[in-house]
């Protein structure tokens, strides 16, 4: 009886080891394949990339088993990150999952594309949406609309402002609402990123209340703009009668914050 049990035990262990080996080899193959695709994208090696696609392997795997300091995202995410439009098209046409969220932060390729500051942002975003990208996916309480604005107000040029506005409008025209953002209204995102075009559109075209308060921090659009030194938005809001008496959850008004930050140009707007 013991001998029979021992034989069964060995058989089970052997089967487990065989299955584990097969799974490991399959995973390793997928990871290596993804790394090869990413290398080809990085080096703009279209010939190698096309040859790799012909292998018909998994296009949605990450190149590494564990997250580390290396870029660990599927090839389509990487192509979106690098602004490589041609590679994005090739991957989607080859069957890559356009709504893949298999990255550490749960971002979709569309979110990754929107979050970059390159010339291909609009082109890639339009292509992804036209080919089935789900604009309504939420990742860590953030929607695609949260990523439509460039988070770098120090070097926020007029051309970048226009591009961000175009991206936000693209998302709004494809089913997102102005409230589909983490702070509860896109006016706060636009205000704190110095996008006067969007703030103006929301107030003048969509009749958004200029003094609407965000439910998380109690900030008005004016307070958000002052906190982030967004001169153009602050000026527009003040010129259009924004309420100066609103206090946020910390009991501070826009002027209180302007004084704390000691931004002379913005302080002069309050005079």
C-alpha atoms as a PDB file:
ATOM      1  CA  UNK A   1       0.000   0.000   0.000  1.00  0.00           C
ATOM      2  CA  UNK A   2       2.802   2.382   0.946  1.00  0.00           C
ATOM      3  CA  UNK A   3       4.665   1.540  -2.262  1.00  0.00           C
ATOM      4  CA  UNK A   4       1.569   2.274  -4.365  1.00  0.00           C
ATOM      5  CA  UNK A   5       1.058   5.597  -2.590  1.00  0.00           C
ATOM      6  CA  UNK A   6       4.713   6.486  -3.150  1.00  0.00           C
ATOM      7  CA  UNK A   7       4.391   5.797  -6.894  1.00  0.00           C
ATOM      8  CA  UNK A   8       1.319   8.021  -7.110  1.00  0.00           C
ATOM      9  CA  UNK A   9       3.168  10.714  -5.168  1.00  0.00           C
ATOM     10  CA  UNK A  10       6.112  10.580  -7.584  1.00  0.00           C
ATOM     11  CA  UNK A  11       3.767  10.715 -10.566  1.00  0.00           C
ATOM     12  CA  UNK A  12       1.998  13.797  -9.217  1.00  0.00           C
ATOM     13  CA  UNK A  13       5.296  15.555  -8.475  1.00  0.00           C
ATOM     14  CA  UNK A  14       6.599  14.699 -11.936  1.00  0.00           C
ATOM     15  CA  UNK A  15       3.456  16.063 -13.602  1.00  0.00           C
ATOM     16  CA  UNK A  16       3.677  19.266 -11.557  1.00  0.00           C
ATOM     17  CA  UNK A  17       7.308  19.754 -12.569  1.00  0.00           C
ATOM     18  CA  UNK A  18       6.540  19.117 -16.239  1.00  0.00           C
ATOM     19  CA  UNK A  19       3.622  21.570 -16.209  1.00  0.00           C
ATOM     20  CA  UNK A  20       5.713  24.148 -14.362  1.00  0.00           C
ATOM     21  CA  UNK A  21       8.505  23.824 -16.893  1.00  0.00           C
ATOM     22  CA  UNK A  22       6.087  24.245 -19.796  1.00  0.00           C
ATOM     23  CA  UNK A  23       4.506  27.325 -18.204  1.00  0.00           C
ATOM     24  CA  UNK A  24       7.906  28.832 -17.371  1.00  0.00           C
ATOM     25  CA  UNK A  25       9.178  28.280 -20.897  1.00  0.00           C
ATOM     26  CA  UNK A  26       6.014  29.824 -22.312  1.00  0.00           C
ATOM     27  CA  UNK A  27       6.296  32.883 -20.057  1.00  0.00           C
ATOM     28  CA  UNK A  28      10.004  33.272 -20.743  1.00  0.00           C
ATOM     29  CA  UNK A  29       9.327  33.083 -24.468  1.00  0.00           C
ATOM     30  CA  UNK A  30       6.644  35.795 -24.198  1.00  0.00           C
ATOM     31  CA  UNK A  31       8.871  38.065 -22.124  1.00  0.00           C
ATOM     32  CA  UNK A  32      11.812  37.655 -24.519  1.00  0.00           C
ATOM     33  CA  UNK A  33       9.547  38.294 -27.500  1.00  0.00           C
ATOM     34  CA  UNK A  34       8.208  41.499 -25.939  1.00  0.00           C
ATOM     35  CA  UNK A  35      11.735  42.697 -25.239  1.00  0.00           C
ATOM     36  CA  UNK A  36      12.730  42.055 -28.852  1.00  0.00           C
ATOM     37  CA  UNK A  37       9.745  44.045 -30.088  1.00  0.00           C
ATOM     38  CA  UNK A  38      10.534  46.906 -27.715  1.00  0.00           C
ATOM     39  CA  UNK A  39      14.169  46.961 -28.823  1.00  0.00           C
ATOM     40  CA  UNK A  40      13.043  47.171 -32.446  1.00  0.00           C
ATOM     41  CA  UNK A  41      10.692  50.053 -31.597  1.00  0.00           C
ATOM     42  CA  UNK A  42      13.407  51.862 -29.664  1.00  0.00           C
ATOM     43  CA  UNK A  43      15.846  51.542 -32.569  1.00  0.00           C
ATOM     44  CA  UNK A  44      13.273  52.277 -35.294  1.00  0.00           C
ATOM     45  CA  UNK A  45      14.129  48.924 -36.852  1.00  0.00           C
ATOM     46  CA  UNK A  46      11.069  48.402 -39.042  1.00  0.00           C
ATOM     47  CA  UNK A  47      12.512  45.396 -40.848  1.00  0.00           C
ATOM     48  CA  UNK A  48      13.226  43.437 -37.677  1.00  0.00           C
ATOM     49  CA  UNK A  49       9.902  44.513 -36.204  1.00  0.00           C
ATOM     50  CA  UNK A  50       7.965  43.182 -39.191  1.00  0.00           C
ATOM     51  CA  UNK A  51       9.837  39.883 -39.037  1.00  0.00           C
ATOM     52  CA  UNK A  52       9.023  39.553 -35.339  1.00  0.00           C
ATOM     53  CA  UNK A  53       5.338  40.213 -35.978  1.00  0.00           C
ATOM     54  CA  UNK A  54       5.279  37.358 -38.469  1.00  0.00           C
ATOM     55  CA  UNK A  55       6.004  34.962 -35.591  1.00  0.00           C
ATOM     56  CA  UNK A  56       2.460  35.548 -34.339  1.00  0.00           C
ATOM     57  CA  UNK A  57       3.339  35.380 -30.647  1.00  0.00           C
ATOM     58  CA  UNK A  58       1.740  37.162 -27.683  1.00  0.00           C
ATOM     59  CA  UNK A  59       1.866  40.917 -28.278  1.00  0.00           C
ATOM     60  CA  UNK A  60       0.453  41.876 -24.890  1.00  0.00           C
ATOM     61  CA  UNK A  61       3.115  40.570 -22.519  1.00  0.00           C
ATOM     62  CA  UNK A  62       5.544  42.726 -20.554  1.00  0.00           C
ATOM     63  CA  UNK A  63       9.285  42.184 -21.110  1.00  0.00           C
ATOM     64  CA  UNK A  64      10.102  41.472 -17.455  1.00  0.00           C
ATOM     65  CA  UNK A  65       8.488  39.253 -14.837  1.00  0.00           C
ATOM     66  CA  UNK A  66       8.905  41.827 -12.067  1.00  0.00           C
ATOM     67  CA  UNK A  67       8.717  45.617 -12.138  1.00  0.00           C
ATOM     68  CA  UNK A  68      12.080  47.293 -11.738  1.00  0.00           C
ATOM     69  CA  UNK A  69      13.913  50.378 -12.918  1.00  0.00           C
ATOM     70  CA  UNK A  70      13.658  49.196 -16.515  1.00  0.00           C
ATOM     71  CA  UNK A  71      10.709  50.010 -18.741  1.00  0.00           C
ATOM     72  CA  UNK A  72       8.281  47.190 -18.034  1.00  0.00           C
ATOM     73  CA  UNK A  73       5.283  47.611 -20.279  1.00  0.00           C
ATOM     74  CA  UNK A  74       3.842  45.751 -23.273  1.00  0.00           C
ATOM     75  CA  UNK A  75       5.083  46.805 -26.730  1.00  0.00           C
ATOM     76  CA  UNK A  76       1.959  48.841 -27.569  1.00  0.00           C
ATOM     77  CA  UNK A  77       2.280  50.864 -24.366  1.00  0.00           C
ATOM     78  CA  UNK A  78       5.960  51.440 -25.138  1.00  0.00           C
ATOM     79  CA  UNK A  79       5.223  52.590 -28.693  1.00  0.00           C
ATOM     80  CA  UNK A  80       2.638  55.034 -27.300  1.00  0.00           C
ATOM     81  CA  UNK A  81       5.100  56.272 -24.689  1.00  0.00           C
ATOM     82  CA  UNK A  82       7.753  56.936 -27.320  1.00  0.00           C
ATOM     83  CA  UNK A  83       5.309  58.569 -29.730  1.00  0.00           C
ATOM     84  CA  UNK A  84       6.046  55.981 -32.424  1.00  0.00           C
ATOM     85  CA  UNK A  85       2.854  56.200 -34.473  1.00  0.00           C
ATOM     86  CA  UNK A  86       3.876  53.711 -37.188  1.00  0.00           C
ATOM     87  CA  UNK A  87       4.665  51.033 -34.604  1.00  0.00           C
ATOM     88  CA  UNK A  88       1.366  51.719 -32.826  1.00  0.00           C
ATOM     89  CA  UNK A  89      -0.514  51.082 -36.068  1.00  0.00           C
ATOM     90  CA  UNK A  90       1.466  47.927 -36.835  1.00  0.00           C
ATOM     91  CA  UNK A  91       0.824  46.487 -33.372  1.00  0.00           C
ATOM     92  CA  UNK A  92      -2.900  47.233 -33.405  1.00  0.00           C
ATOM     93  CA  UNK A  93      -3.274  45.783 -36.901  1.00  0.00           C
ATOM     94  CA  UNK A  94      -1.388  42.681 -35.746  1.00  0.00           C
ATOM     95  CA  UNK A  95      -3.880  42.143 -32.926  1.00  0.00           C
ATOM     96  CA  UNK A  96      -2.395  43.844 -29.850  1.00  0.00           C
ATOM     97  CA  UNK A  97      -5.009  44.507 -27.155  1.00  0.00           C
ATOM     98  CA  UNK A  98      -5.839  48.179 -27.533  1.00  0.00           C
ATOM     99  CA  UNK A  99      -7.315  48.297 -24.004  1.00  0.00           C
ATOM    100  CA  UNK A 100      -4.590  46.281 -22.278  1.00  0.00           C
ATOM    101  CA  UNK A 101      -4.095  47.337 -18.643  1.00  0.00           C
ATOM    102  CA  UNK A 102      -1.349  44.816 -17.818  1.00  0.00           C
ATOM    103  CA  UNK A 103       1.069  47.388 -16.430  1.00  0.00           C
ATOM    104  CA  UNK A 104       1.920  48.239 -12.829  1.00  0.00           C
ATOM    105  CA  UNK A 105      -0.313  51.333 -12.795  1.00  0.00           C
ATOM    106  CA  UNK A 106      -3.188  49.875 -14.806  1.00  0.00           C
ATOM    107  CA  UNK A 107      -2.869  52.443 -17.576  1.00  0.00           C
ATOM    108  CA  UNK A 108      -4.246  51.758 -21.032  1.00  0.00           C
ATOM    109  CA  UNK A 109      -2.196  52.529 -24.164  1.00  0.00           C
ATOM    110  CA  UNK A 110      -4.443  55.586 -24.647  1.00  0.00           C
ATOM    111  CA  UNK A 111      -3.585  56.915 -21.178  1.00  0.00           C
ATOM    112  CA  UNK A 112       0.106  56.388 -21.855  1.00  0.00           C
ATOM    113  CA  UNK A 113      -0.139  58.224 -25.175  1.00  0.00           C
ATOM    114  CA  UNK A 114      -2.013  61.133 -23.608  1.00  0.00           C
ATOM    115  CA  UNK A 115       0.472  61.423 -20.758  1.00  0.00           C
ATOM    116  CA  UNK A 116       3.449  62.125 -23.002  1.00  0.00           C
ATOM    117  CA  UNK A 117       4.689  65.455 -24.314  1.00  0.00           C
ATOM    118  CA  UNK A 118       5.509  64.647 -27.914  1.00  0.00           C
ATOM    119  CA  UNK A 119       4.264  65.689 -31.333  1.00  0.00           C
ATOM    120  CA  UNK A 120       2.444  62.395 -31.953  1.00  0.00           C
ATOM    121  CA  UNK A 121       0.055  62.607 -28.988  1.00  0.00           C
ATOM    122  CA  UNK A 122      -2.985  63.740 -30.957  1.00  0.00           C
ATOM    123  CA  UNK A 123      -2.329  61.452 -33.918  1.00  0.00           C
ATOM    124  CA  UNK A 124      -1.897  58.365 -31.723  1.00  0.00           C
ATOM    125  CA  UNK A 125      -4.866  59.207 -29.487  1.00  0.00           C
ATOM    126  CA  UNK A 126      -7.128  59.701 -32.503  1.00  0.00           C
ATOM    127  CA  UNK A 127      -5.982  56.423 -34.025  1.00  0.00           C
ATOM    128  CA  UNK A 128      -6.500  54.459 -30.813  1.00  0.00           C
ATOM    129  CA  UNK A 129      -9.976  55.893 -30.243  1.00  0.00           C
ATOM    130  CA  UNK A 130     -10.990  55.306 -33.858  1.00  0.00           C
ATOM    131  CA  UNK A 131      -9.883  51.692 -33.491  1.00  0.00           C
ATOM    132  CA  UNK A 132     -11.757  50.844 -30.329  1.00  0.00           C
ATOM    133  CA  UNK A 133      -9.861  52.334 -27.384  1.00  0.00           C
ATOM    134  CA  UNK A 134     -12.209  52.580 -24.397  1.00  0.00           C
ATOM    135  CA  UNK A 135     -12.070  56.190 -23.199  1.00  0.00           C
ATOM    136  CA  UNK A 136     -14.097  55.337 -20.081  1.00  0.00           C
ATOM    137  CA  UNK A 137     -11.554  53.037 -18.383  1.00  0.00           C
ATOM    138  CA  UNK A 138     -10.517  54.284 -14.922  1.00  0.00           C
ATOM    139  CA  UNK A 139      -7.057  53.627 -13.451  1.00  0.00           C
ATOM    140  CA  UNK A 140      -6.384  54.490  -9.800  1.00  0.00           C
ATOM    141  CA  UNK A 141      -9.292  56.973  -9.888  1.00  0.00           C
ATOM    142  CA  UNK A 142      -7.853  58.683 -12.983  1.00  0.00           C
ATOM    143  CA  UNK A 143      -9.539  58.714 -16.392  1.00  0.00           C
ATOM    144  CA  UNK A 144      -8.064  59.396 -19.815  1.00  0.00           C
ATOM    145  CA  UNK A 145      -9.254  62.990 -19.417  1.00  0.00           C
ATOM    146  CA  UNK A 146      -6.933  63.459 -16.433  1.00  0.00           C
ATOM    147  CA  UNK A 147      -4.003  62.674 -18.712  1.00  0.00           C
ATOM    148  CA  UNK A 148      -5.038  64.983 -21.559  1.00  0.00           C
ATOM    149  CA  UNK A 149      -3.280  67.947 -19.965  1.00  0.00           C
ATOM    150  CA  UNK A 150       0.481  68.394 -19.879  1.00  0.00           C
ATOM    151  CA  UNK A 151       1.627  68.533 -16.254  1.00  0.00           C
ATOM    152  CA  UNK A 152       4.452  71.008 -16.789  1.00  0.00           C
ATOM    153  CA  UNK A 153       3.185  74.550 -16.415  1.00  0.00           C
ATOM    154  CA  UNK A 154       6.698  76.000 -16.177  1.00  0.00           C
ATOM    155  CA  UNK A 155       7.267  75.446 -19.888  1.00  0.00           C
ATOM    156  CA  UNK A 156       3.625  75.487 -20.936  1.00  0.00           C
ATOM    157  CA  UNK A 157       3.696  76.951 -24.434  1.00  0.00           C
ATOM    158  CA  UNK A 158       0.737  78.181 -26.457  1.00  0.00           C
ATOM    159  CA  UNK A 159       1.119  75.279 -28.875  1.00  0.00           C
ATOM    160  CA  UNK A 160       1.018  72.766 -26.003  1.00  0.00           C
ATOM    161  CA  UNK A 161      -2.074  74.478 -24.610  1.00  0.00           C
ATOM    162  CA  UNK A 162      -3.798  74.081 -27.983  1.00  0.00           C
ATOM    163  CA  UNK A 163      -2.816  70.409 -28.240  1.00  0.00           C
ATOM    164  CA  UNK A 164      -4.076  69.690 -24.717  1.00  0.00           C
ATOM    165  CA  UNK A 165      -7.343  71.421 -25.559  1.00  0.00           C
ATOM    166  CA  UNK A 166      -7.692  69.332 -28.731  1.00  0.00           C
ATOM    167  CA  UNK A 167      -7.079  66.122 -26.785  1.00  0.00           C
ATOM    168  CA  UNK A 168      -9.598  67.016 -24.097  1.00  0.00           C
ATOM    169  CA  UNK A 169     -12.190  67.854 -26.752  1.00  0.00           C
ATOM    170  CA  UNK A 170     -11.434  64.579 -28.537  1.00  0.00           C
ATOM    171  CA  UNK A 171     -12.253  62.666 -25.360  1.00  0.00           C
ATOM    172  CA  UNK A 172     -15.335  64.729 -24.571  1.00  0.00           C
ATOM    173  CA  UNK A 173     -16.628  64.218 -28.107  1.00  0.00           C
ATOM    174  CA  UNK A 174     -16.152  60.466 -27.731  1.00  0.00           C
ATOM    175  CA  UNK A 175     -18.269  59.906 -24.673  1.00  0.00           C
ATOM    176  CA  UNK A 176     -16.454  61.286 -21.635  1.00  0.00           C
ATOM    177  CA  UNK A 177     -18.147  63.847 -19.410  1.00  0.00           C
ATOM    178  CA  UNK A 178     -16.515  66.944 -17.933  1.00  0.00           C
ATOM    179  CA  UNK A 179     -17.020  65.281 -14.539  1.00  0.00           C
ATOM    180  CA  UNK A 180     -15.096  62.114 -15.491  1.00  0.00           C
ATOM    181  CA  UNK A 181     -11.920  63.226 -13.720  1.00  0.00           C
ATOM    182  CA  UNK A 182     -10.455  62.602 -10.295  1.00  0.00           C
ATOM    183  CA  UNK A 183     -11.214  66.086  -8.950  1.00  0.00           C
ATOM    184  CA  UNK A 184     -14.846  65.970 -10.083  1.00  0.00           C
ATOM    185  CA  UNK A 185     -14.716  68.514 -12.915  1.00  0.00           C
ATOM    186  CA  UNK A 186     -12.236  69.034 -15.726  1.00  0.00           C
ATOM    187  CA  UNK A 187     -12.187  72.774 -15.019  1.00  0.00           C
ATOM    188  CA  UNK A 188      -9.926  72.097 -12.027  1.00  0.00           C
ATOM    189  CA  UNK A 189      -7.501  70.067 -14.151  1.00  0.00           C
ATOM    190  CA  UNK A 190      -7.422  72.798 -16.780  1.00  0.00           C
ATOM    191  CA  UNK A 191      -7.046  75.583 -14.220  1.00  0.00           C
ATOM    192  CA  UNK A 192      -4.111  74.005 -12.408  1.00  0.00           C
ATOM    193  CA  UNK A 193      -2.363  73.303 -15.706  1.00  0.00           C
ATOM    194  CA  UNK A 194      -2.765  76.827 -17.077  1.00  0.00           C
ATOM    195  CA  UNK A 195      -5.061  75.848 -19.947  1.00  0.00           C
ATOM    196  CA  UNK A 196      -7.063  79.033 -20.353  1.00  0.00           C
ATOM    197  CA  UNK A 197      -8.604  77.721 -23.586  1.00  0.00           C
ATOM    198  CA  UNK A 198     -10.347  74.888 -21.751  1.00  0.00           C
ATOM    199  CA  UNK A 199     -11.317  77.021 -18.747  1.00  0.00           C
ATOM    200  CA  UNK A 200     -12.822  79.623 -21.092  1.00  0.00           C
ATOM    201  CA  UNK A 201     -14.672  76.958 -23.104  1.00  0.00           C
ATOM    202  CA  UNK A 202     -16.133  75.349 -19.993  1.00  0.00           C
ATOM    203  CA  UNK A 203     -17.339  78.633 -18.518  1.00  0.00           C
ATOM    204  CA  UNK A 204     -18.517  80.406 -21.671  1.00  0.00           C
ATOM    205  CA  UNK A 205     -19.748  77.494 -23.799  1.00  0.00           C
ATOM    206  CA  UNK A 206     -20.826  74.866 -21.268  1.00  0.00           C
ATOM    207  CA  UNK A 207     -21.911  77.309 -18.534  1.00  0.00           C
ATOM    208  CA  UNK A 208     -19.782  75.691 -15.837  1.00  0.00           C
ATOM    209  CA  UNK A 209     -19.994  77.733 -12.640  1.00  0.00           C
ATOM    210  CA  UNK A 210     -16.813  79.797 -12.353  1.00  0.00           C
ATOM    211  CA  UNK A 211     -16.874  79.242  -8.575  1.00  0.00           C
ATOM    212  CA  UNK A 212     -17.542  75.495  -8.540  1.00  0.00           C
ATOM    213  CA  UNK A 213     -15.715  73.781  -5.649  1.00  0.00           C
ATOM    214  CA  UNK A 214     -13.805  70.517  -5.935  1.00  0.00           C
ATOM    215  CA  UNK A 215     -15.157  67.917  -3.475  1.00  0.00           C
ATOM    216  CA  UNK A 216     -11.756  66.665  -2.343  1.00  0.00           C
ATOM    217  CA  UNK A 217      -9.809  69.761  -1.300  1.00  0.00           C
ATOM    218  CA  UNK A 218     -12.467  72.456  -1.378  1.00  0.00           C
ATOM    219  CA  UNK A 219     -10.528  74.472  -3.955  1.00  0.00           C
ATOM    220  CA  UNK A 220     -12.169  76.687  -6.534  1.00  0.00           C
ATOM    221  CA  UNK A 221     -10.684  76.975 -10.021  1.00  0.00           C
ATOM    222  CA  UNK A 222      -9.084  80.242  -8.945  1.00  0.00           C
ATOM    223  CA  UNK A 223      -7.419  78.625  -5.942  1.00  0.00           C
ATOM    224  CA  UNK A 224      -6.085  75.789  -8.112  1.00  0.00           C
ATOM    225  CA  UNK A 225      -4.692  78.265 -10.621  1.00  0.00           C
ATOM    226  CA  UNK A 226      -3.010  80.367  -7.916  1.00  0.00           C
ATOM    227  CA  UNK A 227      -1.549  77.291  -6.204  1.00  0.00           C
ATOM    228  CA  UNK A 228       0.137  76.324  -9.470  1.00  0.00           C
ATOM    229  CA  UNK A 229       1.231  79.822 -10.547  1.00  0.00           C
ATOM    230  CA  UNK A 230      -1.004  79.741 -13.623  1.00  0.00           C
ATOM    231  CA  UNK A 231      -0.966  83.427 -14.504  1.00  0.00           C
ATOM    232  CA  UNK A 232      -3.131  83.293 -17.633  1.00  0.00           C
ATOM    233  CA  UNK A 233      -5.910  81.346 -15.934  1.00  0.00           C
ATOM    234  CA  UNK A 234      -5.781  83.483 -12.774  1.00  0.00           C
ATOM    235  CA  UNK A 235      -6.117  86.646 -14.868  1.00  0.00           C
ATOM    236  CA  UNK A 236      -9.020  85.232 -16.867  1.00  0.00           C
ATOM    237  CA  UNK A 237     -10.879  84.098 -13.746  1.00  0.00           C
ATOM    238  CA  UNK A 238     -10.369  87.416 -11.955  1.00  0.00           C
ATOM    239  CA  UNK A 239     -11.412  89.366 -15.058  1.00  0.00           C
ATOM    240  CA  UNK A 240     -14.597  87.313 -15.152  1.00  0.00           C
ATOM    241  CA  UNK A 241     -15.611  87.822 -11.553  1.00  0.00           C
ATOM    242  CA  UNK A 242     -14.317  84.768  -9.689  1.00  0.00           C
ATOM    243  CA  UNK A 243     -15.235  84.881  -6.001  1.00  0.00           C
ATOM    244  CA  UNK A 244     -12.241  85.976  -3.889  1.00  0.00           C
ATOM    245  CA  UNK A 245     -13.836  84.990  -0.587  1.00  0.00           C
ATOM    246  CA  UNK A 246     -13.998  81.226  -1.137  1.00  0.00           C
ATOM    247  CA  UNK A 247     -11.931  79.279   1.396  1.00  0.00           C
ATOM    248  CA  UNK A 248     -10.676  75.751   0.828  1.00  0.00           C
ATOM    249  CA  UNK A 249     -10.625  72.915   3.357  1.00  0.00           C
ATOM    250  CA  UNK A 250      -7.552  74.497   4.966  1.00  0.00           C
ATOM    251  CA  UNK A 251      -9.389  77.775   5.450  1.00  0.00           C
ATOM    252  CA  UNK A 252      -7.352  79.658   2.839  1.00  0.00           C
ATOM    253  CA  UNK A 253      -8.512  81.957   0.058  1.00  0.00           C
ATOM    254  CA  UNK A 254      -6.821  82.396  -3.306  1.00  0.00           C
ATOM    255  CA  UNK A 255      -5.208  85.609  -2.046  1.00  0.00           C
ATOM    256  CA  UNK A 256      -3.890  83.859   1.075  1.00  0.00           C
ATOM    257  CA  UNK A 257      -2.178  81.300  -1.140  1.00  0.00           C
ATOM    258  CA  UNK A 258      -0.856  83.961  -3.527  1.00  0.00           C
ATOM    259  CA  UNK A 259       0.760  85.752  -0.579  1.00  0.00           C
ATOM    260  CA  UNK A 260       2.283  82.493   0.676  1.00  0.00           C
ATOM    261  CA  UNK A 261       3.739  81.702  -2.734  1.00  0.00           C
ATOM    262  CA  UNK A 262       4.988  85.281  -3.166  1.00  0.00           C
ATOM    263  CA  UNK A 263       4.419  85.267  -6.914  1.00  0.00           C
ATOM    264  CA  UNK A 264       4.584  89.017  -7.574  1.00  0.00           C
ATOM    265  CA  UNK A 265       3.008  88.836 -11.034  1.00  0.00           C
ATOM    266  CA  UNK A 266      -0.012  86.977  -9.699  1.00  0.00           C
ATOM    267  CA  UNK A 267      -0.235  89.142  -6.566  1.00  0.00           C
ATOM    268  CA  UNK A 268      -0.422  92.221  -8.783  1.00  0.00           C
ATOM    269  CA  UNK A 269      -3.526  90.768 -10.440  1.00  0.00           C
ATOM    270  CA  UNK A 270      -5.369  91.041  -7.123  1.00  0.00           C
ATOM    271  CA  UNK A 271      -4.733  94.786  -6.822  1.00  0.00           C
END
